[in-house]
């Protein structure tokens, strides 16, 4: 296996395409690897980051009339996007999804979804076998148990996948704070979805806007 290292291995927004898989009510009810609200928070943050950086995003569900619609927190980020509804458990066997990814012309495939051990692992392993550079966003995904999540991650790493969290993805897309085009949007993402870091940022702004007391 070729080691994933060097500057070219880092994520670039102009080369990235994001696929969000099966963030649906049925799957969420049996997520036990993470706090369910954190999965919603992190998946939403990832979606907002992709929109901020102009990363094409494909939304897909499986049998939505039974499993429920994609979380509104995600679809509200992309109100004009079609959600591709599948019967295939393995997203990468659905030609409509694969064609949508290929149409972007991007090579860095980023995947998050529910459940990690099934709906994330299957397309990741297949896409890797077809030569794609695949990154899995682990904290925007979730499994039916901690064991299932961890074993799936180990399996995908062994197959050659790259593992990251949503904030690491967003930071890699930003790369340099001198790139001011999306810095304000990333700061807002921290405020909305990064808990302590966001609160600390607001506190910093408060302190910077507080006049220095006079010596009187």
C-alpha atoms as a PDB file:
ATOM      1  CA  UNK A   1       0.000   0.000   0.000  1.00  0.00           C
ATOM      2  CA  UNK A   2       1.351   3.438  -0.940  1.00  0.00           C
ATOM      3  CA  UNK A   3       1.713   5.608   2.188  1.00  0.00           C
ATOM      4  CA  UNK A   4      -0.581   8.605   2.261  1.00  0.00           C
ATOM      5  CA  UNK A   5       1.811  11.434   2.992  1.00  0.00           C
ATOM      6  CA  UNK A   6       3.254  14.596   1.472  1.00  0.00           C
ATOM      7  CA  UNK A   7       1.605  17.910   0.666  1.00  0.00           C
ATOM      8  CA  UNK A   8      -0.319  16.532  -2.312  1.00  0.00           C
ATOM      9  CA  UNK A   9      -2.106  14.046  -0.063  1.00  0.00           C
ATOM     10  CA  UNK A  10      -3.823  16.839   1.894  1.00  0.00           C
ATOM     11  CA  UNK A  11      -7.390  17.737   0.967  1.00  0.00           C
ATOM     12  CA  UNK A  12      -8.003  20.620  -1.420  1.00  0.00           C
ATOM     13  CA  UNK A  13     -11.474  22.114  -1.920  1.00  0.00           C
ATOM     14  CA  UNK A  14     -10.975  22.344  -5.672  1.00  0.00           C
ATOM     15  CA  UNK A  15     -10.302  18.581  -5.846  1.00  0.00           C
ATOM     16  CA  UNK A  16     -12.850  17.376  -3.255  1.00  0.00           C
ATOM     17  CA  UNK A  17     -16.332  15.922  -3.668  1.00  0.00           C
ATOM     18  CA  UNK A  18     -18.479  15.027  -0.649  1.00  0.00           C
ATOM     19  CA  UNK A  19     -21.039  12.210  -0.465  1.00  0.00           C
ATOM     20  CA  UNK A  20     -23.355  12.191   2.560  1.00  0.00           C
ATOM     21  CA  UNK A  21     -25.012   8.805   2.937  1.00  0.00           C
ATOM     22  CA  UNK A  22     -28.190   7.839   4.806  1.00  0.00           C
ATOM     23  CA  UNK A  23     -28.321  10.488   7.538  1.00  0.00           C
ATOM     24  CA  UNK A  24     -31.887   9.352   8.196  1.00  0.00           C
ATOM     25  CA  UNK A  25     -34.143   8.856  11.245  1.00  0.00           C
ATOM     26  CA  UNK A  26     -34.192   5.051  11.109  1.00  0.00           C
ATOM     27  CA  UNK A  27     -30.417   4.798  11.145  1.00  0.00           C
ATOM     28  CA  UNK A  28     -30.051   7.473  13.826  1.00  0.00           C
ATOM     29  CA  UNK A  29     -32.282   5.577  16.265  1.00  0.00           C
ATOM     30  CA  UNK A  30     -29.716   2.804  16.568  1.00  0.00           C
ATOM     31  CA  UNK A  31     -26.506   4.870  16.540  1.00  0.00           C
ATOM     32  CA  UNK A  32     -24.649   3.878  19.697  1.00  0.00           C
ATOM     33  CA  UNK A  33     -21.064   4.704  18.771  1.00  0.00           C
ATOM     34  CA  UNK A  34     -21.649   8.445  19.337  1.00  0.00           C
ATOM     35  CA  UNK A  35     -24.197  10.662  21.004  1.00  0.00           C
ATOM     36  CA  UNK A  36     -26.838  10.959  18.255  1.00  0.00           C
ATOM     37  CA  UNK A  37     -27.072  14.748  18.582  1.00  0.00           C
ATOM     38  CA  UNK A  38     -23.316  14.972  17.960  1.00  0.00           C
ATOM     39  CA  UNK A  39     -23.667  12.995  14.729  1.00  0.00           C
ATOM     40  CA  UNK A  40     -26.336  15.440  13.548  1.00  0.00           C
ATOM     41  CA  UNK A  41     -24.187  18.399  14.620  1.00  0.00           C
ATOM     42  CA  UNK A  42     -21.049  17.087  12.938  1.00  0.00           C
ATOM     43  CA  UNK A  43     -22.723  16.014   9.716  1.00  0.00           C
ATOM     44  CA  UNK A  44     -24.397  19.413   9.477  1.00  0.00           C
ATOM     45  CA  UNK A  45     -21.082  21.172  10.110  1.00  0.00           C
ATOM     46  CA  UNK A  46     -19.444  19.099   7.378  1.00  0.00           C
ATOM     47  CA  UNK A  47     -22.234  19.981   4.955  1.00  0.00           C
ATOM     48  CA  UNK A  48     -21.901  23.694   5.769  1.00  0.00           C
ATOM     49  CA  UNK A  49     -18.128  23.528   5.345  1.00  0.00           C
ATOM     50  CA  UNK A  50     -18.524  21.915   1.936  1.00  0.00           C
ATOM     51  CA  UNK A  51     -20.941  24.634   0.866  1.00  0.00           C
ATOM     52  CA  UNK A  52     -18.652  27.381   2.168  1.00  0.00           C
ATOM     53  CA  UNK A  53     -15.669  26.041   0.234  1.00  0.00           C
ATOM     54  CA  UNK A  54     -17.614  25.272  -2.938  1.00  0.00           C
ATOM     55  CA  UNK A  55     -17.181  21.498  -2.631  1.00  0.00           C
ATOM     56  CA  UNK A  56     -19.794  19.598  -4.685  1.00  0.00           C
ATOM     57  CA  UNK A  57     -22.001  17.560  -2.361  1.00  0.00           C
ATOM     58  CA  UNK A  58     -24.160  14.559  -3.200  1.00  0.00           C
ATOM     59  CA  UNK A  59     -26.952  13.646  -0.797  1.00  0.00           C
ATOM     60  CA  UNK A  60     -28.304  10.122  -0.838  1.00  0.00           C
ATOM     61  CA  UNK A  61     -30.784   8.099   1.203  1.00  0.00           C
ATOM     62  CA  UNK A  62     -31.946   4.501   1.168  1.00  0.00           C
ATOM     63  CA  UNK A  63     -35.656   3.724   0.844  1.00  0.00           C
ATOM     64  CA  UNK A  64     -36.652   7.080   2.328  1.00  0.00           C
ATOM     65  CA  UNK A  65     -40.361   6.275   2.423  1.00  0.00           C
ATOM     66  CA  UNK A  66     -39.563   3.769   5.177  1.00  0.00           C
ATOM     67  CA  UNK A  67     -36.327   5.048   6.679  1.00  0.00           C
ATOM     68  CA  UNK A  68     -37.253   8.713   6.673  1.00  0.00           C
ATOM     69  CA  UNK A  69     -35.912  11.782   4.941  1.00  0.00           C
ATOM     70  CA  UNK A  70     -32.349  13.081   5.296  1.00  0.00           C
ATOM     71  CA  UNK A  71     -32.060  15.275   8.397  1.00  0.00           C
ATOM     72  CA  UNK A  72     -33.469  18.749   7.626  1.00  0.00           C
ATOM     73  CA  UNK A  73     -30.358  20.296   9.183  1.00  0.00           C
ATOM     74  CA  UNK A  74     -28.478  18.893   6.177  1.00  0.00           C
ATOM     75  CA  UNK A  75     -31.041  19.386   3.413  1.00  0.00           C
ATOM     76  CA  UNK A  76     -31.574  22.987   4.547  1.00  0.00           C
ATOM     77  CA  UNK A  77     -27.918  23.632   3.661  1.00  0.00           C
ATOM     78  CA  UNK A  78     -28.629  22.470   0.097  1.00  0.00           C
ATOM     79  CA  UNK A  79     -32.290  23.348  -0.523  1.00  0.00           C
ATOM     80  CA  UNK A  80     -31.963  22.902  -4.288  1.00  0.00           C
ATOM     81  CA  UNK A  81     -30.197  19.529  -4.189  1.00  0.00           C
ATOM     82  CA  UNK A  82     -31.954  16.367  -5.253  1.00  0.00           C
ATOM     83  CA  UNK A  83     -31.600  13.611  -2.673  1.00  0.00           C
ATOM     84  CA  UNK A  84     -30.779  10.436  -4.574  1.00  0.00           C
ATOM     85  CA  UNK A  85     -32.871   7.666  -3.038  1.00  0.00           C
ATOM     86  CA  UNK A  86     -31.506   4.152  -3.480  1.00  0.00           C
ATOM     87  CA  UNK A  87     -32.411   0.540  -2.974  1.00  0.00           C
ATOM     88  CA  UNK A  88     -28.764  -0.546  -2.943  1.00  0.00           C
ATOM     89  CA  UNK A  89     -27.292  -0.749   0.563  1.00  0.00           C
ATOM     90  CA  UNK A  90     -23.922  -0.102  -1.065  1.00  0.00           C
ATOM     91  CA  UNK A  91     -24.094   3.432  -2.454  1.00  0.00           C
ATOM     92  CA  UNK A  92     -21.273   2.757  -4.901  1.00  0.00           C
ATOM     93  CA  UNK A  93     -23.415   0.175  -6.702  1.00  0.00           C
ATOM     94  CA  UNK A  94     -25.958   2.880  -7.522  1.00  0.00           C
ATOM     95  CA  UNK A  95     -25.061   4.247 -10.958  1.00  0.00           C
ATOM     96  CA  UNK A  96     -26.860   7.539 -10.386  1.00  0.00           C
ATOM     97  CA  UNK A  97     -24.711   8.355  -7.350  1.00  0.00           C
ATOM     98  CA  UNK A  98     -21.474   7.278  -9.024  1.00  0.00           C
ATOM     99  CA  UNK A  99     -22.312   9.221 -12.175  1.00  0.00           C
ATOM    100  CA  UNK A 100     -23.006  12.326 -10.070  1.00  0.00           C
ATOM    101  CA  UNK A 101     -19.616  11.986  -8.392  1.00  0.00           C
ATOM    102  CA  UNK A 102     -17.792  11.412 -11.683  1.00  0.00           C
ATOM    103  CA  UNK A 103     -19.533  14.407 -13.265  1.00  0.00           C
ATOM    104  CA  UNK A 104     -17.778  16.720 -10.818  1.00  0.00           C
ATOM    105  CA  UNK A 105     -14.387  15.761 -12.206  1.00  0.00           C
ATOM    106  CA  UNK A 106     -13.003  15.662  -8.656  1.00  0.00           C
ATOM    107  CA  UNK A 107     -10.631  12.932  -7.448  1.00  0.00           C
ATOM    108  CA  UNK A 108     -10.685  13.330  -3.640  1.00  0.00           C
ATOM    109  CA  UNK A 109     -13.814  11.465  -2.553  1.00  0.00           C
ATOM    110  CA  UNK A 110     -15.010  12.296   0.962  1.00  0.00           C
ATOM    111  CA  UNK A 111     -17.661  10.096   2.577  1.00  0.00           C
ATOM    112  CA  UNK A 112     -19.713  10.263   5.780  1.00  0.00           C
ATOM    113  CA  UNK A 113     -22.853   8.380   6.679  1.00  0.00           C
ATOM    114  CA  UNK A 114     -24.895   6.019   8.821  1.00  0.00           C
ATOM    115  CA  UNK A 115     -23.967   3.293   9.562  1.00  0.00           C
ATOM    116  CA  UNK A 116     -20.174   3.274   9.458  1.00  0.00           C
ATOM    117  CA  UNK A 117     -19.846  -0.499   9.293  1.00  0.00           C
ATOM    118  CA  UNK A 118     -22.303  -0.894   6.425  1.00  0.00           C
ATOM    119  CA  UNK A 119     -23.290   2.175   4.418  1.00  0.00           C
ATOM    120  CA  UNK A 120     -19.889   3.855   4.777  1.00  0.00           C
ATOM    121  CA  UNK A 121     -17.611   0.815   4.617  1.00  0.00           C
ATOM    122  CA  UNK A 122     -19.125  -0.743   1.500  1.00  0.00           C
ATOM    123  CA  UNK A 123     -18.775   2.217  -0.891  1.00  0.00           C
ATOM    124  CA  UNK A 124     -15.428   3.184   0.610  1.00  0.00           C
ATOM    125  CA  UNK A 125     -13.900  -0.230   0.007  1.00  0.00           C
ATOM    126  CA  UNK A 126     -15.354  -0.519  -3.496  1.00  0.00           C
ATOM    127  CA  UNK A 127     -14.250   3.018  -4.503  1.00  0.00           C
ATOM    128  CA  UNK A 128     -10.757   2.359  -3.170  1.00  0.00           C
ATOM    129  CA  UNK A 129     -10.572  -0.740  -5.325  1.00  0.00           C
ATOM    130  CA  UNK A 130     -11.461   1.403  -8.332  1.00  0.00           C
ATOM    131  CA  UNK A 131      -8.611   3.806  -7.667  1.00  0.00           C
ATOM    132  CA  UNK A 132     -10.358   6.647  -5.834  1.00  0.00           C
ATOM    133  CA  UNK A 133      -8.647   8.657  -3.104  1.00  0.00           C
ATOM    134  CA  UNK A 134     -11.161   8.167  -0.279  1.00  0.00           C
ATOM    135  CA  UNK A 135     -11.447  10.026   3.029  1.00  0.00           C
ATOM    136  CA  UNK A 136     -14.005   8.974   5.647  1.00  0.00           C
ATOM    137  CA  UNK A 137     -15.245  11.580   8.113  1.00  0.00           C
ATOM    138  CA  UNK A 138     -15.552   9.478  11.233  1.00  0.00           C
ATOM    139  CA  UNK A 139     -17.372  11.888  13.553  1.00  0.00           C
ATOM    140  CA  UNK A 140     -20.017  12.703  10.931  1.00  0.00           C
ATOM    141  CA  UNK A 141     -20.691   8.976  10.744  1.00  0.00           C
ATOM    142  CA  UNK A 142     -21.960   6.534  13.344  1.00  0.00           C
ATOM    143  CA  UNK A 143     -22.497   2.823  13.919  1.00  0.00           C
ATOM    144  CA  UNK A 144     -24.730   0.550  15.957  1.00  0.00           C
ATOM    145  CA  UNK A 145     -21.980   0.114  18.558  1.00  0.00           C
ATOM    146  CA  UNK A 146     -18.543   1.452  19.440  1.00  0.00           C
ATOM    147  CA  UNK A 147     -17.107  -1.903  18.360  1.00  0.00           C
ATOM    148  CA  UNK A 148     -18.858  -1.758  14.993  1.00  0.00           C
ATOM    149  CA  UNK A 149     -17.548   1.771  14.347  1.00  0.00           C
ATOM    150  CA  UNK A 150     -13.984   0.941  15.357  1.00  0.00           C
ATOM    151  CA  UNK A 151     -13.843  -2.333  13.431  1.00  0.00           C
ATOM    152  CA  UNK A 152     -15.205  -0.576  10.329  1.00  0.00           C
ATOM    153  CA  UNK A 153     -12.522   2.111  10.623  1.00  0.00           C
ATOM    154  CA  UNK A 154      -9.819  -0.543  10.955  1.00  0.00           C
ATOM    155  CA  UNK A 155     -11.198  -2.382   7.937  1.00  0.00           C
ATOM    156  CA  UNK A 156     -11.276   0.765   5.792  1.00  0.00           C
ATOM    157  CA  UNK A 157      -7.781   1.839   6.856  1.00  0.00           C
ATOM    158  CA  UNK A 158      -6.517  -1.610   5.877  1.00  0.00           C
ATOM    159  CA  UNK A 159      -8.141  -1.077   2.474  1.00  0.00           C
ATOM    160  CA  UNK A 160      -6.328   2.264   2.066  1.00  0.00           C
ATOM    161  CA  UNK A 161      -8.845   4.857   3.262  1.00  0.00           C
ATOM    162  CA  UNK A 162      -7.928   8.102   4.994  1.00  0.00           C
ATOM    163  CA  UNK A 163      -9.708   8.923   8.291  1.00  0.00           C
ATOM    164  CA  UNK A 164     -10.516  12.466   9.430  1.00  0.00           C
ATOM    165  CA  UNK A 165     -12.993  14.442  11.544  1.00  0.00           C
ATOM    166  CA  UNK A 166     -15.167  17.250  10.194  1.00  0.00           C
ATOM    167  CA  UNK A 167     -13.099  20.053  11.723  1.00  0.00           C
ATOM    168  CA  UNK A 168      -9.895  18.539  10.341  1.00  0.00           C
ATOM    169  CA  UNK A 169     -11.484  18.435   6.870  1.00  0.00           C
ATOM    170  CA  UNK A 170     -12.596  22.067   7.094  1.00  0.00           C
ATOM    171  CA  UNK A 171      -9.183  23.144   8.376  1.00  0.00           C
ATOM    172  CA  UNK A 172      -7.412  21.298   5.582  1.00  0.00           C
ATOM    173  CA  UNK A 173      -9.628  23.011   3.032  1.00  0.00           C
ATOM    174  CA  UNK A 174      -8.789  26.386   4.614  1.00  0.00           C
ATOM    175  CA  UNK A 175      -5.056  25.542   4.991  1.00  0.00           C
ATOM    176  CA  UNK A 176      -3.880  29.155   5.394  1.00  0.00           C
ATOM    177  CA  UNK A 177      -5.538  31.940   7.408  1.00  0.00           C
ATOM    178  CA  UNK A 178      -4.148  34.382   4.857  1.00  0.00           C
ATOM    179  CA  UNK A 179      -6.721  32.927   2.482  1.00  0.00           C
ATOM    180  CA  UNK A 180      -9.488  35.210   3.660  1.00  0.00           C
ATOM    181  CA  UNK A 181     -12.132  34.187   1.106  1.00  0.00           C
ATOM    182  CA  UNK A 182     -13.749  31.629   3.420  1.00  0.00           C
ATOM    183  CA  UNK A 183     -12.185  32.501   6.791  1.00  0.00           C
ATOM    184  CA  UNK A 184     -15.300  34.300   8.054  1.00  0.00           C
ATOM    185  CA  UNK A 185     -17.514  31.341   7.113  1.00  0.00           C
ATOM    186  CA  UNK A 186     -15.163  28.928   8.851  1.00  0.00           C
ATOM    187  CA  UNK A 187     -15.206  31.122  11.961  1.00  0.00           C
ATOM    188  CA  UNK A 188     -19.005  31.004  11.942  1.00  0.00           C
ATOM    189  CA  UNK A 189     -18.860  27.217  11.673  1.00  0.00           C
ATOM    190  CA  UNK A 190     -16.725  27.156  14.819  1.00  0.00           C
ATOM    191  CA  UNK A 191     -19.277  29.306  16.625  1.00  0.00           C
ATOM    192  CA  UNK A 192     -22.233  27.193  15.497  1.00  0.00           C
ATOM    193  CA  UNK A 193     -20.806  23.680  15.712  1.00  0.00           C
ATOM    194  CA  UNK A 194     -17.433  23.511  17.496  1.00  0.00           C
ATOM    195  CA  UNK A 195     -18.625  24.059  21.047  1.00  0.00           C
ATOM    196  CA  UNK A 196     -15.713  25.194  23.240  1.00  0.00           C
ATOM    197  CA  UNK A 197     -13.669  26.548  20.336  1.00  0.00           C
ATOM    198  CA  UNK A 198     -16.623  28.578  19.120  1.00  0.00           C
ATOM    199  CA  UNK A 199     -17.347  29.988  22.573  1.00  0.00           C
ATOM    200  CA  UNK A 200     -13.674  30.830  23.030  1.00  0.00           C
ATOM    201  CA  UNK A 201     -13.714  32.665  19.688  1.00  0.00           C
ATOM    202  CA  UNK A 202     -16.716  34.744  20.784  1.00  0.00           C
ATOM    203  CA  UNK A 203     -14.989  35.491  24.086  1.00  0.00           C
ATOM    204  CA  UNK A 204     -11.889  36.598  22.215  1.00  0.00           C
ATOM    205  CA  UNK A 205     -14.014  38.960  20.124  1.00  0.00           C
ATOM    206  CA  UNK A 206     -15.625  40.294  23.307  1.00  0.00           C
ATOM    207  CA  UNK A 207     -12.230  40.988  24.860  1.00  0.00           C
ATOM    208  CA  UNK A 208     -10.902  42.648  21.722  1.00  0.00           C
ATOM    209  CA  UNK A 209     -13.902  44.956  21.690  1.00  0.00           C
ATOM    210  CA  UNK A 210     -13.663  45.805  25.388  1.00  0.00           C
ATOM    211  CA  UNK A 211     -12.001  49.180  26.014  1.00  0.00           C
ATOM    212  CA  UNK A 212      -8.914  49.138  28.221  1.00  0.00           C
ATOM    213  CA  UNK A 213      -9.874  50.571  31.628  1.00  0.00           C
ATOM    214  CA  UNK A 214      -8.494  54.043  32.215  1.00  0.00           C
ATOM    215  CA  UNK A 215      -6.083  54.656  35.071  1.00  0.00           C
ATOM    216  CA  UNK A 216      -8.533  57.254  36.318  1.00  0.00           C
END
